[in-house]
Amino acid sequence: MKRIILTAALLLIASLSLQAQWARYGFRVGAGASHIFDDISSVSPVFGGAAGIFVDYGFENAKIAWNTNLYLQFGVNFRRSGGNLQELINEDNNLTIRESYYHTYYAQIPILLGFKYEIPVKRAGHYINFMFGPAFSAGLFGTYRNRIVSPYNPHANANYDNFSINDYAPRKAFSYIRRFDADAIVALGYHYRQFMLDFIFDFGFVPIAPEDDALHIIEQQVTGDEKMDVTVPGGNNMTYMLSFGYYIPIHEKARYRGRR
């Protein structure tokens, strides 16, 4: 179902892009919260955000409905994601806690379909803006830390790098989690002339933990318990942020209904 949605969005955007008439360029920066969407572990967010450049293509002369409202946006973003996870493990009435966090950085290419509605007020240039579409992300670098804590047996506390007591040793994140992600982005905001303020929601469809769970194998080797059913804390990237953007005033290439 996820693949069908992404494919349908791409086909719609590709068909509209053939009818684009004008281009407008800009940049945006955003900040907010990012966490790992997971229905088993308890999760707390980390600082998330993105910065990037984009180009809008308009359809003012196209023979389609809402041709003055629709536009297509392509961009390149540098994005920060991650999350803190905590999972309680009860094996034979021995309580242990798995603590993990991800701090990861991605290069992202969003392909969005936008719809702008001009607010009917005396002064022109006020818009309500809506965007949605897919994005494709490639992991650049990041940190992944993970350890087991035994409240009633502190000497059993170990992380998976050097097995030292109560220690978080950082690892290169993309040696343990998937490097590539396919996202769905939804944004709603207010635009005034060259200025943009948008609330952006970004959800990654690809689970970050690979099926081949290297940490699970290590844990079995350390404990000697081949029956332990404990996997790498995983889930999906989810980020929500407030974004500020600005259109570069290249007037000969930018037109919104001829009023700017």
C-alpha atoms as a PDB file:
ATOM      1  CA  MET A   1       0.000   0.000   0.000  1.00  0.00           C
ATOM      2  CA  LYS A   2       2.840   2.405   0.859  1.00  0.00           C
ATOM      3  CA  ARG A   3       4.487   1.767  -2.510  1.00  0.00           C
ATOM      4  CA  ILE A   4       1.187   2.331  -4.312  1.00  0.00           C
ATOM      5  CA  ILE A   5       0.695   5.712  -2.609  1.00  0.00           C
ATOM      6  CA  LEU A   6       4.246   6.854  -3.397  1.00  0.00           C
ATOM      7  CA  THR A   7       3.993   5.652  -7.011  1.00  0.00           C
ATOM      8  CA  ALA A   8       0.640   7.389  -7.537  1.00  0.00           C
ATOM      9  CA  ALA A   9       2.019  10.646  -6.116  1.00  0.00           C
ATOM     10  CA  LEU A  10       5.054  10.480  -8.402  1.00  0.00           C
ATOM     11  CA  LEU A  11       2.921   9.808 -11.491  1.00  0.00           C
ATOM     12  CA  LEU A  12       0.614  12.723 -10.674  1.00  0.00           C
ATOM     13  CA  ILE A  13       3.522  15.090 -10.131  1.00  0.00           C
ATOM     14  CA  ALA A  14       5.305  13.892 -13.292  1.00  0.00           C
ATOM     15  CA  SER A  15       2.205  14.504 -15.437  1.00  0.00           C
ATOM     16  CA  LEU A  16       1.770  18.006 -14.035  1.00  0.00           C
ATOM     17  CA  SER A  17       5.453  18.888 -14.452  1.00  0.00           C
ATOM     18  CA  LEU A  18       5.092  18.607 -18.245  1.00  0.00           C
ATOM     19  CA  GLN A  19       2.735  21.605 -18.158  1.00  0.00           C
ATOM     20  CA  ALA A  20       4.810  23.936 -15.968  1.00  0.00           C
ATOM     21  CA  GLN A  21       5.260  27.518 -17.308  1.00  0.00           C
ATOM     22  CA  TRP A  22       7.320  29.532 -14.852  1.00  0.00           C
ATOM     23  CA  ALA A  23       9.916  28.997 -12.153  1.00  0.00           C
ATOM     24  CA  ARG A  24      10.585  30.641  -8.810  1.00  0.00           C
ATOM     25  CA  TYR A  25      13.528  29.967  -6.513  1.00  0.00           C
ATOM     26  CA  GLY A  26      13.892  30.078  -2.762  1.00  0.00           C
ATOM     27  CA  PHE A  27      15.346  28.628   0.400  1.00  0.00           C
ATOM     28  CA  ARG A  28      13.979  27.532   3.775  1.00  0.00           C
ATOM     29  CA  VAL A  29      15.167  26.529   7.227  1.00  0.00           C
ATOM     30  CA  GLY A  30      13.119  24.686   9.815  1.00  0.00           C
ATOM     31  CA  ALA A  31      13.410  23.379  13.350  1.00  0.00           C
ATOM     32  CA  GLY A  32      11.274  21.125  15.498  1.00  0.00           C
ATOM     33  CA  ALA A  33      11.159  17.658  17.008  1.00  0.00           C
ATOM     34  CA  SER A  34      12.167  14.323  15.552  1.00  0.00           C
ATOM     35  CA  HIS A  35      11.566  10.874  16.974  1.00  0.00           C
ATOM     36  CA  ILE A  36      11.372   7.222  16.046  1.00  0.00           C
ATOM     37  CA  PHE A  37       7.790   6.101  15.449  1.00  0.00           C
ATOM     38  CA  ASP A  38       7.515   2.780  17.285  1.00  0.00           C
ATOM     39  CA  ASP A  39       4.574   1.055  18.978  1.00  0.00           C
ATOM     40  CA  ILE A  40       6.643  -1.061  21.394  1.00  0.00           C
ATOM     41  CA  SER A  41       9.378   1.099  22.884  1.00  0.00           C
ATOM     42  CA  SER A  42       8.821   4.322  24.786  1.00  0.00           C
ATOM     43  CA  VAL A  43      10.145   7.175  22.708  1.00  0.00           C
ATOM     44  CA  SER A  44      11.203  10.752  23.410  1.00  0.00           C
ATOM     45  CA  PRO A  45      12.104  13.245  20.676  1.00  0.00           C
ATOM     46  CA  VAL A  46      15.394  14.909  19.833  1.00  0.00           C
ATOM     47  CA  PHE A  47      16.021  18.201  18.067  1.00  0.00           C
ATOM     48  CA  GLY A  48      15.186  17.846  14.388  1.00  0.00           C
ATOM     49  CA  GLY A  49      15.261  20.198  11.483  1.00  0.00           C
ATOM     50  CA  ALA A  50      16.133  20.867   7.881  1.00  0.00           C
ATOM     51  CA  ALA A  51      17.670  23.499   5.641  1.00  0.00           C
ATOM     52  CA  GLY A  52      17.525  23.568   1.882  1.00  0.00           C
ATOM     53  CA  ILE A  53      16.865  25.212  -1.440  1.00  0.00           C
ATOM     54  CA  PHE A  54      13.948  24.694  -3.812  1.00  0.00           C
ATOM     55  CA  VAL A  55      12.382  25.731  -7.095  1.00  0.00           C
ATOM     56  CA  ASP A  56       8.646  26.143  -7.763  1.00  0.00           C
ATOM     57  CA  TYR A  57       7.118  25.534 -11.188  1.00  0.00           C
ATOM     58  CA  GLY A  58       3.741  27.112 -11.952  1.00  0.00           C
ATOM     59  CA  PHE A  59       0.873  26.200 -14.296  1.00  0.00           C
ATOM     60  CA  GLU A  60      -0.716  29.583 -14.932  1.00  0.00           C
ATOM     61  CA  ASN A  61      -1.356  28.968 -18.650  1.00  0.00           C
ATOM     62  CA  ALA A  62      -2.050  25.240 -18.419  1.00  0.00           C
ATOM     63  CA  LYS A  63      -5.504  23.954 -19.333  1.00  0.00           C
ATOM     64  CA  ILE A  64      -6.169  22.355 -15.971  1.00  0.00           C
ATOM     65  CA  ALA A  65      -8.441  23.150 -13.038  1.00  0.00           C
ATOM     66  CA  TRP A  66      -6.993  25.590 -10.484  1.00  0.00           C
ATOM     67  CA  ASN A  67      -4.131  26.382 -12.848  1.00  0.00           C
ATOM     68  CA  THR A  68      -3.357  29.630 -11.021  1.00  0.00           C
ATOM     69  CA  ASN A  69      -3.258  27.875  -7.651  1.00  0.00           C
ATOM     70  CA  LEU A  70      -1.234  24.746  -8.368  1.00  0.00           C
ATOM     71  CA  TYR A  71       2.545  24.534  -8.468  1.00  0.00           C
ATOM     72  CA  LEU A  72       5.231  21.880  -8.339  1.00  0.00           C
ATOM     73  CA  GLN A  73       8.204  22.119  -5.994  1.00  0.00           C
ATOM     74  CA  PHE A  74      11.566  20.348  -6.237  1.00  0.00           C
ATOM     75  CA  GLY A  75      14.246  20.784  -3.605  1.00  0.00           C
ATOM     76  CA  VAL A  76      17.379  19.576  -1.887  1.00  0.00           C
ATOM     77  CA  ASN A  77      17.483  19.511   1.926  1.00  0.00           C
ATOM     78  CA  PHE A  78      19.980  18.740   4.642  1.00  0.00           C
ATOM     79  CA  ARG A  79      17.901  17.075   7.377  1.00  0.00           C
ATOM     80  CA  ARG A  80      18.511  15.999  10.973  1.00  0.00           C
ATOM     81  CA  SER A  81      16.478  13.113  12.422  1.00  0.00           C
ATOM     82  CA  GLY A  82      16.608  10.715  15.329  1.00  0.00           C
ATOM     83  CA  GLY A  83      15.082   9.809  18.638  1.00  0.00           C
ATOM     84  CA  ASN A  84      15.585   8.322  22.086  1.00  0.00           C
ATOM     85  CA  LEU A  85      14.166   4.895  22.837  1.00  0.00           C
ATOM     86  CA  GLN A  86      13.749   2.885  26.008  1.00  0.00           C
ATOM     87  CA  GLU A  87      12.479  -0.678  26.128  1.00  0.00           C
ATOM     88  CA  LEU A  88      11.749  -2.822  29.192  1.00  0.00           C
ATOM     89  CA  ILE A  89      12.780  -6.468  28.887  1.00  0.00           C
ATOM     90  CA  ASN A  90      11.531  -9.074  31.332  1.00  0.00           C
ATOM     91  CA  GLU A  91      13.339 -12.400  31.058  1.00  0.00           C
ATOM     92  CA  ASP A  92      12.527 -14.892  33.832  1.00  0.00           C
ATOM     93  CA  ASN A  93      11.459 -12.025  36.144  1.00  0.00           C
ATOM     94  CA  ASN A  94      14.802 -10.273  35.638  1.00  0.00           C
ATOM     95  CA  LEU A  95      14.079  -6.728  34.534  1.00  0.00           C
ATOM     96  CA  THR A  96      16.513  -5.062  32.169  1.00  0.00           C
ATOM     97  CA  ILE A  97      16.237  -1.826  30.233  1.00  0.00           C
ATOM     98  CA  ARG A  98      17.479  -1.232  26.719  1.00  0.00           C
ATOM     99  CA  GLU A  99      18.415   2.400  26.069  1.00  0.00           C
ATOM    100  CA  SER A 100      19.159   3.667  22.597  1.00  0.00           C
ATOM    101  CA  TYR A 101      19.330   6.857  20.646  1.00  0.00           C
ATOM    102  CA  TYR A 102      19.810   7.844  17.038  1.00  0.00           C
ATOM    103  CA  HIS A 103      21.191  11.178  15.818  1.00  0.00           C
ATOM    104  CA  THR A 104      21.261  10.972  12.026  1.00  0.00           C
ATOM    105  CA  TYR A 105      21.760  13.374   9.120  1.00  0.00           C
ATOM    106  CA  TYR A 106      20.331  12.942   5.620  1.00  0.00           C
ATOM    107  CA  ALA A 107      20.407  14.513   2.180  1.00  0.00           C
ATOM    108  CA  GLN A 108      16.803  14.714   1.045  1.00  0.00           C
ATOM    109  CA  ILE A 109      15.128  15.371  -2.318  1.00  0.00           C
ATOM    110  CA  PRO A 110      11.430  16.318  -1.948  1.00  0.00           C
ATOM    111  CA  ILE A 111       9.044  16.383  -4.922  1.00  0.00           C
ATOM    112  CA  LEU A 112       5.903  18.202  -3.794  1.00  0.00           C
ATOM    113  CA  LEU A 113       2.626  19.318  -5.292  1.00  0.00           C
ATOM    114  CA  GLY A 114       1.499  22.654  -3.870  1.00  0.00           C
ATOM    115  CA  PHE A 115      -1.784  24.546  -3.758  1.00  0.00           C
ATOM    116  CA  LYS A 116      -1.981  28.252  -2.907  1.00  0.00           C
ATOM    117  CA  TYR A 117      -5.176  30.104  -2.111  1.00  0.00           C
ATOM    118  CA  GLU A 118      -5.018  33.878  -2.038  1.00  0.00           C
ATOM    119  CA  ILE A 119      -6.832  35.332   0.957  1.00  0.00           C
ATOM    120  CA  PRO A 120      -9.397  37.861  -0.356  1.00  0.00           C
ATOM    121  CA  VAL A 121      -8.239  40.936   1.526  1.00  0.00           C
ATOM    122  CA  LYS A 122      -7.621  44.475   0.288  1.00  0.00           C
ATOM    123  CA  ARG A 123      -3.844  44.116   0.192  1.00  0.00           C
ATOM    124  CA  ALA A 124      -2.728  41.454  -2.301  1.00  0.00           C
ATOM    125  CA  GLY A 125      -0.114  38.825  -1.571  1.00  0.00           C
ATOM    126  CA  HIS A 126      -1.566  36.888   1.389  1.00  0.00           C
ATOM    127  CA  TYR A 127      -1.790  33.141   0.749  1.00  0.00           C
ATOM    128  CA  ILE A 128      -2.756  29.952   2.522  1.00  0.00           C
ATOM    129  CA  ASN A 129      -0.400  27.244   1.290  1.00  0.00           C
ATOM    130  CA  PHE A 130      -0.688  23.450   1.236  1.00  0.00           C
ATOM    131  CA  MET A 131       1.912  20.960  -0.038  1.00  0.00           C
ATOM    132  CA  PHE A 132       2.209  17.196  -0.128  1.00  0.00           C
ATOM    133  CA  GLY A 133       4.305  14.580  -1.874  1.00  0.00           C
ATOM    134  CA  PRO A 134       7.148  12.087  -1.580  1.00  0.00           C
ATOM    135  CA  ALA A 135      10.789  12.645  -0.720  1.00  0.00           C
ATOM    136  CA  PHE A 136      13.838  10.450  -0.996  1.00  0.00           C
ATOM    137  CA  SER A 137      16.578  10.538   1.646  1.00  0.00           C
ATOM    138  CA  ALA A 138      20.129   9.195   1.780  1.00  0.00           C
ATOM    139  CA  GLY A 139      21.958   8.972   5.100  1.00  0.00           C
ATOM    140  CA  LEU A 140      25.190  10.959   5.265  1.00  0.00           C
ATOM    141  CA  PHE A 141      26.458  10.407   8.798  1.00  0.00           C
ATOM    142  CA  GLY A 142      25.218  10.062  12.360  1.00  0.00           C
ATOM    143  CA  THR A 143      25.608   8.509  15.781  1.00  0.00           C
ATOM    144  CA  TYR A 144      23.863   5.450  17.155  1.00  0.00           C
ATOM    145  CA  ARG A 145      24.227   4.403  20.808  1.00  0.00           C
ATOM    146  CA  ASN A 146      22.710   1.393  22.481  1.00  0.00           C
ATOM    147  CA  ARG A 147      23.134  -0.417  25.799  1.00  0.00           C
ATOM    148  CA  ILE A 148      21.480  -2.779  28.267  1.00  0.00           C
ATOM    149  CA  VAL A 149      20.995  -1.599  31.858  1.00  0.00           C
ATOM    150  CA  SER A 150      20.185  -4.063  34.657  1.00  0.00           C
ATOM    151  CA  PRO A 151      18.868  -2.121  37.692  1.00  0.00           C
ATOM    152  CA  TYR A 152      19.293  -5.100  40.031  1.00  0.00           C
ATOM    153  CA  ASN A 153      22.580  -6.290  38.596  1.00  0.00           C
ATOM    154  CA  PRO A 154      24.707  -3.265  37.641  1.00  0.00           C
ATOM    155  CA  HIS A 155      27.716  -5.407  36.762  1.00  0.00           C
ATOM    156  CA  ALA A 156      25.734  -6.794  33.833  1.00  0.00           C
ATOM    157  CA  ASN A 157      25.386  -3.363  32.260  1.00  0.00           C
ATOM    158  CA  ALA A 158      27.100  -3.339  28.897  1.00  0.00           C
ATOM    159  CA  ASN A 159      27.031  -1.619  25.587  1.00  0.00           C
ATOM    160  CA  TYR A 160      27.639  -3.542  22.433  1.00  0.00           C
ATOM    161  CA  ASP A 161      30.959  -2.039  21.388  1.00  0.00           C
ATOM    162  CA  ASN A 162      33.329  -2.735  24.240  1.00  0.00           C
ATOM    163  CA  PHE A 163      31.035  -4.179  26.943  1.00  0.00           C
ATOM    164  CA  SER A 164      32.248  -1.639  29.504  1.00  0.00           C
ATOM    165  CA  ILE A 165      30.107  -0.955  32.566  1.00  0.00           C
ATOM    166  CA  ASN A 166      27.537   1.855  32.222  1.00  0.00           C
ATOM    167  CA  ASP A 167      29.133   3.229  29.075  1.00  0.00           C
ATOM    168  CA  TYR A 168      27.614   4.666  25.921  1.00  0.00           C
ATOM    169  CA  ALA A 169      30.110   4.230  23.095  1.00  0.00           C
ATOM    170  CA  PRO A 170      29.069   6.031  19.901  1.00  0.00           C
ATOM    171  CA  ARG A 171      28.895   4.108  16.658  1.00  0.00           C
ATOM    172  CA  LYS A 172      28.534   5.163  13.068  1.00  0.00           C
ATOM    173  CA  ALA A 173      24.780   5.032  12.683  1.00  0.00           C
ATOM    174  CA  PHE A 174      24.569   3.803   9.118  1.00  0.00           C
ATOM    175  CA  SER A 175      26.738   0.799   9.847  1.00  0.00           C
ATOM    176  CA  TYR A 176      23.759  -0.509  11.861  1.00  0.00           C
ATOM    177  CA  ILE A 177      20.645   1.063  10.390  1.00  0.00           C
ATOM    178  CA  ARG A 178      19.349   1.563   6.863  1.00  0.00           C
ATOM    179  CA  ARG A 179      20.910   4.403   4.931  1.00  0.00           C
ATOM    180  CA  PHE A 180      18.027   5.134   2.538  1.00  0.00           C
ATOM    181  CA  ASP A 181      14.507   6.281   3.306  1.00  0.00           C
ATOM    182  CA  ALA A 182      11.363   7.149   1.352  1.00  0.00           C
ATOM    183  CA  ASP A 183       9.311   9.876   3.019  1.00  0.00           C
ATOM    184  CA  ALA A 184       5.862  11.387   2.786  1.00  0.00           C
ATOM    185  CA  ILE A 185       5.716  15.132   3.434  1.00  0.00           C
ATOM    186  CA  VAL A 186       2.658  17.243   4.261  1.00  0.00           C
ATOM    187  CA  ALA A 187       2.896  20.996   4.878  1.00  0.00           C
ATOM    188  CA  LEU A 188       0.429  23.752   5.722  1.00  0.00           C
ATOM    189  CA  GLY A 189       1.340  27.394   6.053  1.00  0.00           C
ATOM    190  CA  TYR A 190       0.929  31.091   5.411  1.00  0.00           C
ATOM    191  CA  HIS A 191       2.804  32.968   2.679  1.00  0.00           C
ATOM    192  CA  TYR A 192       3.075  36.715   2.253  1.00  0.00           C
ATOM    193  CA  ARG A 193       4.778  37.881  -0.912  1.00  0.00           C
ATOM    194  CA  GLN A 194       8.355  36.543  -0.675  1.00  0.00           C
ATOM    195  CA  PHE A 195       8.010  35.202   2.879  1.00  0.00           C
ATOM    196  CA  MET A 196       6.810  31.754   3.935  1.00  0.00           C
ATOM    197  CA  LEU A 197       5.902  30.207   7.267  1.00  0.00           C
ATOM    198  CA  ASP A 198       4.955  26.510   7.104  1.00  0.00           C
ATOM    199  CA  PHE A 199       4.302  23.662   9.493  1.00  0.00           C
ATOM    200  CA  ILE A 200       5.872  20.542   7.955  1.00  0.00           C
ATOM    201  CA  PHE A 201       5.268  16.895   8.845  1.00  0.00           C
ATOM    202  CA  ASP A 202       7.727  14.308   7.484  1.00  0.00           C
ATOM    203  CA  PHE A 203       7.218  10.556   7.901  1.00  0.00           C
ATOM    204  CA  GLY A 204       9.690   7.923   6.708  1.00  0.00           C
ATOM    205  CA  PHE A 205       8.111   4.767   5.305  1.00  0.00           C
ATOM    206  CA  VAL A 206      11.269   2.639   5.488  1.00  0.00           C
ATOM    207  CA  PRO A 207      11.974   1.072   8.929  1.00  0.00           C
ATOM    208  CA  ILE A 208      15.383   2.169  10.149  1.00  0.00           C
ATOM    209  CA  ALA A 209      16.381  -1.247  11.557  1.00  0.00           C
ATOM    210  CA  PRO A 210      17.411  -3.767   8.891  1.00  0.00           C
ATOM    211  CA  GLU A 211      15.950  -7.246   8.995  1.00  0.00           C
ATOM    212  CA  ASP A 212      19.428  -8.644   9.587  1.00  0.00           C
ATOM    213  CA  ASP A 213      19.774  -7.631  13.222  1.00  0.00           C
ATOM    214  CA  ALA A 214      23.507  -7.601  13.989  1.00  0.00           C
ATOM    215  CA  LEU A 215      23.001  -6.354  17.550  1.00  0.00           C
ATOM    216  CA  HIS A 216      20.588  -9.184  18.279  1.00  0.00           C
ATOM    217  CA  ILE A 217      23.256 -11.689  17.264  1.00  0.00           C
ATOM    218  CA  ILE A 218      25.835  -9.957  19.480  1.00  0.00           C
ATOM    219  CA  GLU A 219      23.442  -9.975  22.411  1.00  0.00           C
ATOM    220  CA  GLN A 220      22.868 -13.691  22.030  1.00  0.00           C
ATOM    221  CA  GLN A 221      26.617 -14.272  22.004  1.00  0.00           C
ATOM    222  CA  VAL A 222      27.115 -12.179  25.157  1.00  0.00           C
ATOM    223  CA  THR A 223      24.277 -13.742  27.141  1.00  0.00           C
ATOM    224  CA  GLY A 224      24.531 -17.248  25.734  1.00  0.00           C
ATOM    225  CA  ASP A 225      20.751 -17.255  25.449  1.00  0.00           C
ATOM    226  CA  GLU A 226      19.764 -18.336  21.952  1.00  0.00           C
ATOM    227  CA  LYS A 227      16.069 -17.855  22.774  1.00  0.00           C
ATOM    228  CA  MET A 228      16.157 -14.171  23.647  1.00  0.00           C
ATOM    229  CA  ASP A 229      13.637 -12.337  21.535  1.00  0.00           C
ATOM    230  CA  VAL A 230      15.117  -8.863  21.666  1.00  0.00           C
ATOM    231  CA  THR A 231      15.682  -6.879  18.500  1.00  0.00           C
ATOM    232  CA  VAL A 232      17.402  -3.634  17.721  1.00  0.00           C
ATOM    233  CA  PRO A 233      15.120  -0.803  18.832  1.00  0.00           C
ATOM    234  CA  GLY A 234      13.745   0.477  15.572  1.00  0.00           C
ATOM    235  CA  GLY A 235      10.798   2.082  13.890  1.00  0.00           C
ATOM    236  CA  ASN A 236      10.333   4.882  11.370  1.00  0.00           C
ATOM    237  CA  ASN A 237      11.720   8.399  11.226  1.00  0.00           C
ATOM    238  CA  MET A 238       9.142  11.080  12.019  1.00  0.00           C
ATOM    239  CA  THR A 239       9.805  14.819  12.099  1.00  0.00           C
ATOM    240  CA  TYR A 240       7.518  17.808  12.585  1.00  0.00           C
ATOM    241  CA  MET A 241       8.854  21.323  12.396  1.00  0.00           C
ATOM    242  CA  LEU A 242       8.133  24.986  11.811  1.00  0.00           C
ATOM    243  CA  SER A 243       9.832  26.282   8.696  1.00  0.00           C
ATOM    244  CA  PHE A 244      10.697  29.790   7.531  1.00  0.00           C
ATOM    245  CA  GLY A 245      11.337  30.373   3.829  1.00  0.00           C
ATOM    246  CA  TYR A 246      12.073  33.150   1.393  1.00  0.00           C
ATOM    247  CA  TYR A 247      11.556  33.477  -2.367  1.00  0.00           C
ATOM    248  CA  ILE A 248      14.529  35.027  -4.156  1.00  0.00           C
ATOM    249  CA  PRO A 249      13.090  38.041  -6.041  1.00  0.00           C
ATOM    250  CA  ILE A 250      14.075  37.143  -9.608  1.00  0.00           C
ATOM    251  CA  HIS A 251      11.053  38.924 -11.063  1.00  0.00           C
ATOM    252  CA  GLU A 252      11.522  38.107 -14.698  1.00  0.00           C
ATOM    253  CA  LYS A 253      11.166  34.391 -13.919  1.00  0.00           C
ATOM    254  CA  ALA A 254       8.640  34.551 -11.098  1.00  0.00           C
ATOM    255  CA  ARG A 255       4.935  35.310 -11.405  1.00  0.00           C
ATOM    256  CA  TYR A 256       2.086  34.534  -9.059  1.00  0.00           C
ATOM    257  CA  ARG A 257      -1.081  35.620 -10.848  1.00  0.00           C
ATOM    258  CA  GLY A 258       0.739  38.683 -12.167  1.00  0.00           C
ATOM    259  CA  ARG A 259       0.416  40.490  -8.836  1.00  0.00           C
ATOM    260  CA  ARG A 260       4.011  40.385  -7.521  1.00  0.00           C
END
